[in-house]
Structure formats: C-alpha cells, structure tokens
Protein backbone atom coordinates (compact mmCIF):
# COMPACT_ATOMS: atom_id res chain seq x y z
CA MET A 1 -32.74 -39.99 53.89
CA SER A 2 -33.07 -37.29 50.91
CA ASP A 3 -30.26 -36.37 48.90
CA TYR A 4 -29.85 -32.72 47.89
CA THR A 5 -27.84 -31.24 45.05
CA TYR A 6 -26.04 -28.04 45.47
CA GLN A 7 -26.46 -25.77 42.42
CA SER A 8 -24.53 -22.68 41.92
CA SER A 9 -25.69 -19.77 40.00
CA GLU A 10 -21.88 -18.45 39.56
CA GLN A 11 -20.20 -19.22 36.25
CA PRO A 12 -17.43 -21.65 36.58
CA GLN A 13 -14.08 -19.87 36.67
CA GLY A 14 -12.26 -19.82 33.17
CA GLU A 15 -15.57 -20.35 31.24
CA PRO A 16 -16.81 -17.24 29.77
CA ASN A 17 -20.44 -16.54 29.41
CA LYS A 18 -21.14 -17.23 25.83
CA PRO A 19 -24.20 -14.92 25.45
CA ASP A 20 -22.25 -11.95 26.89
CA ALA A 21 -19.12 -12.77 24.72
CA GLY A 22 -21.41 -12.88 21.54
CA LYS A 23 -23.14 -9.66 22.54
CA ASP A 24 -19.74 -7.88 22.99
CA SER A 25 -18.46 -9.08 19.68
CA LEU A 26 -21.63 -7.66 18.09
CA VAL A 27 -21.39 -4.30 19.84
CA ASN A 28 -17.63 -4.27 18.91
CA LYS A 29 -18.46 -4.81 15.22
CA ILE A 30 -21.03 -1.94 15.42
CA GLN A 31 -18.81 0.50 17.05
CA GLN A 32 -15.75 -0.41 14.45
CA LEU A 33 -17.30 -0.90 11.28
CA GLY A 34 -21.12 0.53 11.66
CA GLN A 35 -22.80 -3.03 10.77
CA THR A 36 -23.70 -6.20 12.64
CA ASN A 37 -22.41 -8.80 10.23
CA VAL A 38 -18.98 -8.37 8.47
CA ALA A 39 -18.23 -10.29 5.11
CA GLN A 40 -15.15 -12.54 5.31
CA MET A 41 -12.85 -13.87 2.49
CA PRO A 42 -13.39 -17.67 2.12
CA SER A 43 -10.75 -19.70 3.92
CA ASP A 44 -9.58 -21.30 0.87
CA SER A 45 -9.12 -18.13 -1.24
CA LYS A 46 -5.89 -17.68 -3.01
CA ILE A 47 -6.22 -14.08 -3.47
CA HIS A 48 -4.85 -11.55 -1.05
CA CYS A 49 -5.98 -7.90 -0.84
CA LEU A 50 -3.54 -5.17 0.12
CA THR A 51 -4.94 -1.53 0.61
CA ILE A 52 -3.01 1.59 0.11
CA VAL A 53 -5.08 4.44 1.89
CA GLY A 54 -4.68 8.01 3.11
CA GLN A 55 -1.08 9.43 3.07
CA ILE A 56 1.85 7.00 2.75
CA GLU A 57 3.87 7.58 5.81
CA GLY A 58 7.81 7.27 5.32
CA HIS A 59 10.61 8.23 7.46
CA VAL A 60 8.77 11.10 9.28
CA GLN A 61 5.64 10.11 11.49
CA LEU A 62 2.68 11.98 10.60
CA PRO A 63 0.04 13.54 13.27
CA PRO A 64 -2.18 11.09 14.76
CA GLN A 65 -5.41 12.75 12.92
CA ASN A 66 -4.03 11.74 9.46
CA LYS A 67 -5.15 8.59 7.67
CA THR A 68 -1.90 6.87 6.92
CA THR A 69 -0.38 3.80 5.26
CA LYS A 70 2.92 3.00 6.92
CA TYR A 71 5.45 1.51 4.93
CA GLU A 72 7.18 -0.27 7.59
CA HIS A 73 3.91 -2.24 7.91
CA VAL A 74 3.36 -2.74 4.12
CA ILE A 75 6.94 -3.96 3.34
CA PRO A 76 6.73 -7.12 5.52
CA GLN A 77 3.25 -7.95 4.15
CA ILE A 78 4.69 -8.03 0.72
CA VAL A 79 7.41 -10.12 1.85
CA ALA A 80 5.00 -12.48 3.30
CA ILE A 81 2.81 -12.59 0.27
CA GLU A 82 5.75 -13.63 -1.82
CA GLN A 83 6.78 -16.40 0.68
CA ASN A 84 3.26 -17.65 1.30
CA PRO A 85 2.52 -20.71 -1.05
CA ASN A 86 -1.15 -20.42 -0.23
CA ILE A 87 -1.40 -16.90 -1.87
CA GLU A 88 -1.29 -16.95 -5.73
CA GLY A 89 -2.28 -13.64 -6.55
CA LEU A 90 -2.40 -10.07 -5.12
CA LEU A 91 -5.31 -7.31 -5.38
CA VAL A 92 -3.75 -3.80 -4.61
CA ILE A 93 -6.44 -1.16 -3.96
CA LEU A 94 -5.51 2.44 -3.82
CA ASN A 95 -7.31 5.44 -2.48
CA THR A 96 -4.17 7.78 -1.49
CA VAL A 97 -3.32 11.30 -1.70
CA GLY A 98 0.42 10.32 -2.01
CA GLY A 99 3.13 11.03 0.64
CA ASP A 100 6.76 10.05 1.06
CA VAL A 101 8.65 9.66 -2.41
CA GLU A 102 11.11 7.14 -1.04
CA ALA A 103 8.73 5.20 0.75
CA GLY A 104 6.31 4.90 -2.26
CA LEU A 105 9.05 4.08 -4.49
CA ALA A 106 10.12 1.36 -2.09
CA ILE A 107 6.53 0.00 -2.01
CA SER A 108 6.38 0.15 -5.89
CA GLU A 109 9.56 -1.54 -6.63
CA MET A 110 8.55 -4.36 -4.30
CA LEU A 111 5.14 -4.94 -5.98
CA ALA A 112 6.98 -4.83 -9.33
CA SER A 113 9.32 -7.55 -8.33
CA LEU A 114 6.73 -9.99 -7.08
CA SER A 115 6.80 -13.43 -8.91
CA LYS A 116 3.04 -13.81 -8.27
CA PRO A 117 0.22 -12.11 -10.53
CA THR A 118 -0.71 -8.56 -9.32
CA VAL A 119 -3.63 -6.28 -10.09
CA SER A 120 -4.02 -2.57 -8.92
CA LEU A 121 -7.36 -0.83 -8.61
CA VAL A 122 -7.44 3.07 -8.35
CA LEU A 123 -10.67 4.09 -6.36
CA GLY A 124 -11.30 7.68 -5.44
CA GLY A 125 -7.72 8.96 -6.02
CA GLY A 126 -4.18 7.61 -6.72
CA HIS A 127 -2.28 10.81 -6.57
CA SER A 128 1.30 11.95 -6.55
CA ILE A 129 3.53 8.91 -5.39
CA GLY A 130 0.45 6.81 -5.81
CA VAL A 131 0.76 7.04 -9.54
CA PRO A 132 4.01 4.69 -9.36
CA ILE A 133 2.21 2.33 -6.87
CA ALA A 134 -0.70 1.98 -9.07
CA VAL A 135 1.30 1.16 -12.37
CA SER A 136 3.90 -1.20 -10.46
CA CYS A 137 1.34 -4.20 -10.81
CA ASP A 138 1.20 -6.48 -13.78
CA TYR A 139 -2.27 -5.00 -14.80
CA SER A 140 -4.15 -1.76 -13.44
CA PHE A 141 -7.50 -0.60 -13.22
CA ILE A 142 -9.14 2.66 -12.49
CA ALA A 143 -12.63 3.56 -11.47
CA GLU A 144 -14.57 5.85 -14.16
CA THR A 145 -14.65 8.53 -11.36
CA ALA A 146 -11.18 8.13 -9.84
CA THR A 147 -8.54 10.73 -10.44
CA MET A 148 -4.67 10.67 -10.34
CA THR A 149 -2.60 13.84 -9.72
CA ILE A 150 0.67 14.01 -11.61
CA HIS A 151 2.96 16.74 -10.37
CA PRO A 152 6.84 17.52 -9.88
CA VAL A 153 8.43 16.32 -6.76
CA ARG A 154 8.15 18.70 -3.93
CA LEU A 155 9.99 19.18 -0.49
CA THR A 156 8.44 20.51 2.65
CA GLY A 157 10.21 22.32 5.50
CA LEU A 158 13.63 23.78 5.45
CA VAL A 159 15.36 23.68 2.28
CA ILE A 160 18.89 24.90 1.41
CA GLY A 161 18.90 27.10 -1.46
CA VAL A 162 22.01 25.49 -3.34
CA PRO A 163 22.34 24.07 -6.61
CA GLN A 164 22.99 20.75 -5.01
CA THR A 165 19.44 20.72 -3.43
CA PHE A 166 17.71 21.33 -6.96
CA GLU A 167 19.99 18.50 -8.50
CA TYR A 168 18.94 16.10 -5.82
CA LEU A 169 15.04 17.12 -6.58
CA ASP A 170 15.65 16.65 -10.23
CA LYS A 171 17.31 13.21 -9.86
CA MET A 172 14.47 12.12 -7.49
CA GLN A 173 11.94 13.22 -10.28
CA ASP A 174 13.66 11.14 -12.82
CA ARG A 175 13.49 8.02 -10.67
CA VAL A 176 9.77 8.61 -10.41
CA ILE A 177 9.61 9.27 -14.13
CA ASN A 178 11.64 6.33 -15.22
CA PHE A 179 9.65 3.93 -13.07
CA VAL A 180 6.27 5.00 -14.29
CA THR A 181 7.36 4.92 -17.90
CA LYS A 182 9.15 1.44 -17.47
CA ASN A 183 5.96 0.01 -15.87
CA SER A 184 3.02 1.61 -17.90
CA GLY A 185 2.41 2.46 -21.60
CA ILE A 186 2.68 5.92 -21.28
CA PRO A 187 5.66 7.71 -23.20
CA GLU A 188 8.28 9.75 -21.21
CA GLU A 189 7.56 13.02 -23.01
CA LYS A 190 3.69 12.86 -22.39
CA PHE A 191 4.17 12.04 -18.79
CA LYS A 192 6.67 15.05 -18.32
CA GLU A 193 4.06 17.15 -20.14
CA LEU A 194 1.41 16.31 -17.73
CA MET A 195 3.79 16.57 -14.77
CA LEU A 196 4.82 20.13 -15.79
CA SER A 197 1.39 21.46 -17.16
CA LYS A 198 0.34 24.98 -16.10
CA GLY A 199 -3.13 25.99 -15.54
CA ASN A 200 -4.76 22.68 -14.74
CA LEU A 201 -4.36 22.76 -11.03
CA THR A 202 -5.25 25.99 -8.85
CA ARG A 203 -2.11 26.19 -6.68
CA ASP A 204 0.35 23.83 -8.19
CA ILE A 205 1.71 22.65 -11.74
CA GLY A 206 0.90 19.28 -13.10
CA THR A 207 -2.50 17.59 -14.25
CA ASN A 208 -5.33 15.84 -12.64
CA VAL A 209 -6.18 12.86 -14.80
CA VAL A 210 -9.60 11.26 -14.56
CA GLY A 211 -10.60 7.71 -15.19
CA ALA A 212 -10.78 7.25 -19.03
CA ASP A 213 -8.19 9.80 -19.51
CA ALA A 214 -5.58 7.75 -17.67
CA VAL A 215 -6.27 4.85 -19.91
CA GLU A 216 -6.00 6.82 -23.03
CA TYR A 217 -2.55 8.23 -21.92
CA GLY A 218 -1.44 4.74 -21.43
CA LEU A 219 -0.93 5.25 -17.89
CA ILE A 220 -3.55 2.80 -16.60
CA ASP A 221 -4.65 -0.47 -18.46
CA GLN A 222 -8.54 -0.19 -18.12
CA VAL A 223 -11.45 1.61 -16.57
CA GLY A 224 -13.27 -0.94 -14.08
CA GLY A 225 -14.20 -1.85 -10.70
CA VAL A 226 -13.50 -4.63 -8.20
CA GLY A 227 -15.49 -7.12 -10.06
CA GLU A 228 -13.31 -6.53 -13.11
CA ALA A 229 -10.31 -6.36 -11.22
CA ILE A 230 -10.88 -9.80 -9.43
CA ARG A 231 -11.82 -11.57 -12.71
CA LYS A 232 -8.56 -10.26 -14.36
CA LEU A 233 -6.49 -11.39 -11.34
CA ASN A 234 -8.37 -14.95 -11.45
CA GLU A 235 -7.46 -15.15 -15.10
CA MET A 236 -3.83 -14.38 -14.45
CA VAL A 237 -3.73 -16.88 -11.71
CA GLU A 238 -5.31 -19.49 -13.80
CA ALA A 239 -2.69 -18.83 -16.59
CA LYS A 240 0.31 -19.04 -14.28
CA ASN A 241 -1.11 -21.92 -12.42
CA PRO A 242 -3.33 -24.42 -14.67
CA GLY A 243 -5.73 -26.43 -12.59
CA LYS A 244 -7.34 -23.76 -10.45
CA THR A 245 -10.81 -22.69 -10.69
CA GLU A 246 -11.95 -19.17 -11.50
CA GLU A 247 -12.56 -18.51 -7.80
CA GLY A 248 -8.81 -18.97 -7.14
CA LYS A 249 -9.39 -22.28 -5.36
CA MET A 250 -7.43 -25.72 -5.62
CA LEU A 251 -9.07 -28.31 -7.63
CA GLN A 252 -9.52 -31.46 -5.56
C-alpha cells in the first residue's frame, strides 16, 4: 500500500511570504526616500542627530503643506537624549526659515542646558529664531553657502495698537538678543546693528549673513560641513569621556 503526502500550496497562517515582504519593503523605500538602500547609523554609535527643518511650529498649528518642526516633538527628544546613558554627544542640523519665537527659545534653552557635548551645523539656512538654536550648542558650524537672516521680532495677525504691545515686542526681542550674545562671541552692539540694518533686505529690515561672515562676526564658531562637525563632536566626547574611540564607540 502506497503512502501519499498531501502538500498544500497555501502559505501557513501567521507566516508572511518573505520574498513579498522584502519586495514591499524595497518599494516603500523607493516611494519614501527615492532609493533602494538606506544608510543606517551603527548600532553602537554614541552620537545622536537631531534635525530642525522647515518652519518651527509653536502654539498654533501650521497648514499641512508647510514643512515644520513641531516643538512638542523636539522637547521630549531632548529630555530623552539627556537621560539616555548610551548617547554621549548630540549633533543638531539646521535648515530652517524660523518660526514661533517662544518655541524656538524653548528649544534653544534646552539645548544650552544639556550636560552632554553638543555641536550645531547650519545647512542651507538658519534664519530668524533659528539663530538662537544654532548658537545654543557648545560649538557651531555653518556651511560656506549657508545663510542666517537676523531681523527684529515680528507679530502676524491682529495686533492691538497700544504702547503695551510694543513694550511686549521689545522685551521679547531683548530675550533673543540676550540669549544669542550670551551663547556666542558676537557683541550685543554688533548683533543689534545687524538686526536693525536697513537696505540689506528687500522687504524687511535686518541682515542676511552668509557663511564666513557669520564666523567673522562671532556668531558661529567655524565654517564647515558634516565631516568637520562630527570630528569636532567626537573630540568633545573623547575629552569629556576618556577611553572612547574617535568613532564614539566604547573601548572593549
């Protein structure tokens, strides 16, 4: 008597079709990132990267077509970075047009108060309230072609035309000036001069500072890119935690 083995062509329940799953993952990468392979941070890296891009969203939600950085997302990340013992250094990359003043100052104050080494890098632009965020780190870089727009604090929408409104604006502007001059090498008089300059911007007062000029004014520490920023951060991590390699990894 012959034995017959029944073979089903159906996939066992609960076991995904691995080739199809891999194909879906590949398609998803192409759709989301435009490439088939995505570089990953090494699992034992001690460096965390935080990006500040688009418009910094504060107490008012911006339209969905705006590219935004939400401060309610960034603040918990900064707290987690401070608490995580596996993170020994933070790289902050900026390409922002600015945004909510109080949200930007809140992020700046948190970055400035971190106990771990921090390095910022301005790529493209670090405008408006992005300036305090850029200078809040222990060391700052700016790309040669990147720009930073320095201008007075503005309000949008309905404004009550009374002296108290202008006093409030003046005090808010003083908070920005005090933070920037405290956390960078630019003198207060020079920063105010750039902020209130006329003729540099077409439809506004202020100054558009490019790459090397930001370093010359003392606003940013050095002109450089990603490689220089990571090398500097690794040096700071090594100085704070002797016994680590240049790659930010633990020595075994």
